[in-house]
C-alpha atoms as a PDB file:
ATOM      1  CA  MET A   1      16.560   5.764  37.117  1.00  0.00           C
ATOM      2  CA  ARG A   2      13.552   8.004  36.524  1.00  0.00           C
ATOM      3  CA  ALA A   3      11.301   4.926  36.147  1.00  0.00           C
ATOM      4  CA  ILE A   4      12.521   3.700  39.528  1.00  0.00           C
ATOM      5  CA  GLU A   5      11.768   7.116  41.039  1.00  0.00           C
ATOM      6  CA  VAL A   6       8.160   7.140  39.785  1.00  0.00           C
ATOM      7  CA  SER A   7       7.539   3.634  41.107  1.00  0.00           C
ATOM      8  CA  GLN A   8       5.974   2.958  44.501  1.00  0.00           C
ATOM      9  CA  ASP A   9       7.528  -0.531  44.712  1.00  0.00           C
ATOM     10  CA  PRO A  10      10.401  -0.647  42.181  1.00  0.00           C
ATOM     11  CA  LYS A  11      11.606  -3.991  40.899  1.00  0.00           C
ATOM     12  CA  VAL A  12      14.297  -4.218  38.236  1.00  0.00           C
ATOM     13  CA  LEU A  13      14.914  -7.396  36.276  1.00  0.00           C
ATOM     14  CA  MET A  14      17.993  -7.863  34.108  1.00  0.00           C
ATOM     15  CA  ASN A  15      18.065 -11.152  32.219  1.00  0.00           C
ATOM     16  CA  LYS A  16      15.373 -12.377  34.630  1.00  0.00           C
ATOM     17  CA  HIS A  17      17.513 -11.643  37.731  1.00  0.00           C
ATOM     18  CA  LEU A  18      16.229  -9.217  40.361  1.00  0.00           C
ATOM     19  CA  ILE A  19      18.539  -6.207  40.784  1.00  0.00           C
ATOM     20  CA  THR A  20      18.394  -4.512  44.163  1.00  0.00           C
ATOM     21  CA  ASP A  21      21.418  -2.191  43.959  1.00  0.00           C
ATOM     22  CA  PHE A  22      20.228   1.015  42.290  1.00  0.00           C
ATOM     23  CA  SER A  23      23.475   2.871  43.064  1.00  0.00           C
ATOM     24  CA  ASP A  24      26.189   3.947  40.610  1.00  0.00           C
ATOM     25  CA  GLN A  25      28.240   0.933  41.699  1.00  0.00           C
ATOM     26  CA  GLY A  26      25.505  -1.547  40.728  1.00  0.00           C
ATOM     27  CA  LYS A  27      24.547  -3.074  37.378  1.00  0.00           C
ATOM     28  CA  LEU A  28      22.220  -0.259  36.337  1.00  0.00           C
ATOM     29  CA  THR A  29      24.753   1.404  34.063  1.00  0.00           C
ATOM     30  CA  GLN A  30      24.317   2.185  30.377  1.00  0.00           C
ATOM     31  CA  LYS A  31      26.960  -0.404  29.526  1.00  0.00           C
ATOM     32  CA  GLU A  32      25.350  -3.203  31.562  1.00  0.00           C
ATOM     33  CA  ILE A  33      21.833  -2.390  30.358  1.00  0.00           C
ATOM     34  CA  ARG A  34      22.892  -2.284  26.698  1.00  0.00           C
ATOM     35  CA  GLU A  35      24.566  -5.689  27.055  1.00  0.00           C
ATOM     36  CA  CYS A  36      21.595  -7.492  28.567  1.00  0.00           C
ATOM     37  CA  ILE A  37      18.916  -9.301  26.543  1.00  0.00           C
ATOM     38  CA  ASN A  38      15.895  -8.889  28.847  1.00  0.00           C
ATOM     39  CA  PHE A  39      15.320  -5.755  30.899  1.00  0.00           C
ATOM     40  CA  GLU A  40      12.237  -4.625  32.787  1.00  0.00           C
ATOM     41  CA  ILE A  41      11.380  -2.086  35.460  1.00  0.00           C
ATOM     42  CA  ARG A  42       8.196  -2.846  37.385  1.00  0.00           C
ATOM     43  CA  ASP A  43       6.115  -1.084  39.965  1.00  0.00           C
ATOM     44  CA  GLY A  44       5.301  -4.115  42.084  1.00  0.00           C
ATOM     45  CA  SER A  45       3.920  -6.585  39.553  1.00  0.00           C
ATOM     46  CA  VAL A  46       3.082  -3.970  36.886  1.00  0.00           C
ATOM     47  CA  GLY A  47       5.621  -3.424  34.113  1.00  0.00           C
ATOM     48  CA  ILE A  48       6.575   0.221  33.585  1.00  0.00           C
ATOM     49  CA  MET A  49       9.089  -0.228  30.782  1.00  0.00           C
ATOM     50  CA  GLY A  50      11.481  -2.725  29.324  1.00  0.00           C
ATOM     51  CA  PHE A  51      12.897  -4.422  26.265  1.00  0.00           C
ATOM     52  CA  HIS A  52      13.800  -7.802  24.848  1.00  0.00           C
ATOM     53  CA  ASP A  53      16.894  -8.117  22.661  1.00  0.00           C
ATOM     54  CA  HIS A  54      17.888  -4.449  22.380  1.00  0.00           C
ATOM     55  CA  PRO A  55      17.187  -1.176  24.259  1.00  0.00           C
ATOM     56  CA  ASP A  56      16.468   0.624  20.983  1.00  0.00           C
ATOM     57  CA  ASP A  57      13.173  -1.317  20.867  1.00  0.00           C
ATOM     58  CA  MET A  58      11.794  -0.428  24.280  1.00  0.00           C
ATOM     59  CA  TRP A  59       8.173  -0.594  25.385  1.00  0.00           C
ATOM     60  CA  ILE A  60       6.534   1.643  27.991  1.00  0.00           C
ATOM     61  CA  ASN A  61       3.239   0.884  29.703  1.00  0.00           C
ATOM     62  CA  GLU A  62       0.499   3.250  28.443  1.00  0.00           C
ATOM     63  CA  ASN A  63      -0.456   3.955  32.078  1.00  0.00           C
ATOM     64  CA  TYR A  64       2.962   5.638  32.406  1.00  0.00           C
ATOM     65  CA  ARG A  65       2.483   7.934  29.399  1.00  0.00           C
ATOM     66  CA  GLU A  66       3.360  11.008  31.460  1.00  0.00           C
ATOM     67  CA  PHE A  67       6.670   9.346  32.367  1.00  0.00           C
ATOM     68  CA  ALA A  68       7.273   8.477  28.675  1.00  0.00           C
ATOM     69  CA  ASP A  69       6.524  12.052  27.593  1.00  0.00           C
ATOM     70  CA  TYR A  70       8.954  13.371  30.217  1.00  0.00           C
ATOM     71  CA  CYS A  71      11.699  11.025  28.965  1.00  0.00           C
ATOM     72  CA  GLU A  72      11.066  12.137  25.379  1.00  0.00           C
ATOM     73  CA  GLN A  73      11.268  15.823  26.398  1.00  0.00           C
ATOM     74  CA  GLN A  74      14.629  15.103  28.050  1.00  0.00           C
ATOM     75  CA  GLY A  75      15.892  13.557  24.808  1.00  0.00           C
ATOM     76  CA  TRP A  76      16.329  10.109  26.368  1.00  0.00           C
ATOM     77  CA  LEU A  77      13.979   8.368  23.942  1.00  0.00           C
ATOM     78  CA  ARG A  78      11.698   8.929  21.000  1.00  0.00           C
ATOM     79  CA  ILE A  79       8.115   7.713  21.062  1.00  0.00           C
ATOM     80  CA  GLU A  80       7.497   6.045  17.727  1.00  0.00           C
ATOM     81  CA  GLY A  81       4.014   4.644  17.989  1.00  0.00           C
ATOM     82  CA  PRO A  82       0.871   4.237  20.021  1.00  0.00           C
ATOM     83  CA  ALA A  83       0.419   1.610  22.671  1.00  0.00           C
ATOM     84  CA  SER A  84      -0.481  -1.770  21.295  1.00  0.00           C
END
């Protein structure tokens, strides 16, 4: 949800389907996200973060490093390597 908050024009794709319900009743739950194969949060056409296959192998756009650092400080993720 934090990635959606930092986005000017949030777009969420789950298994290549656009998700527009960002509420607790929508698909953006830990269970639903962990069960999907493709997940991406974009700011317009720019990818902020996402994964393919499993959320333990997530990527975050280097331009959103401040966002990534914040998430790591919260204990939500661990940054394991530099941008590639």
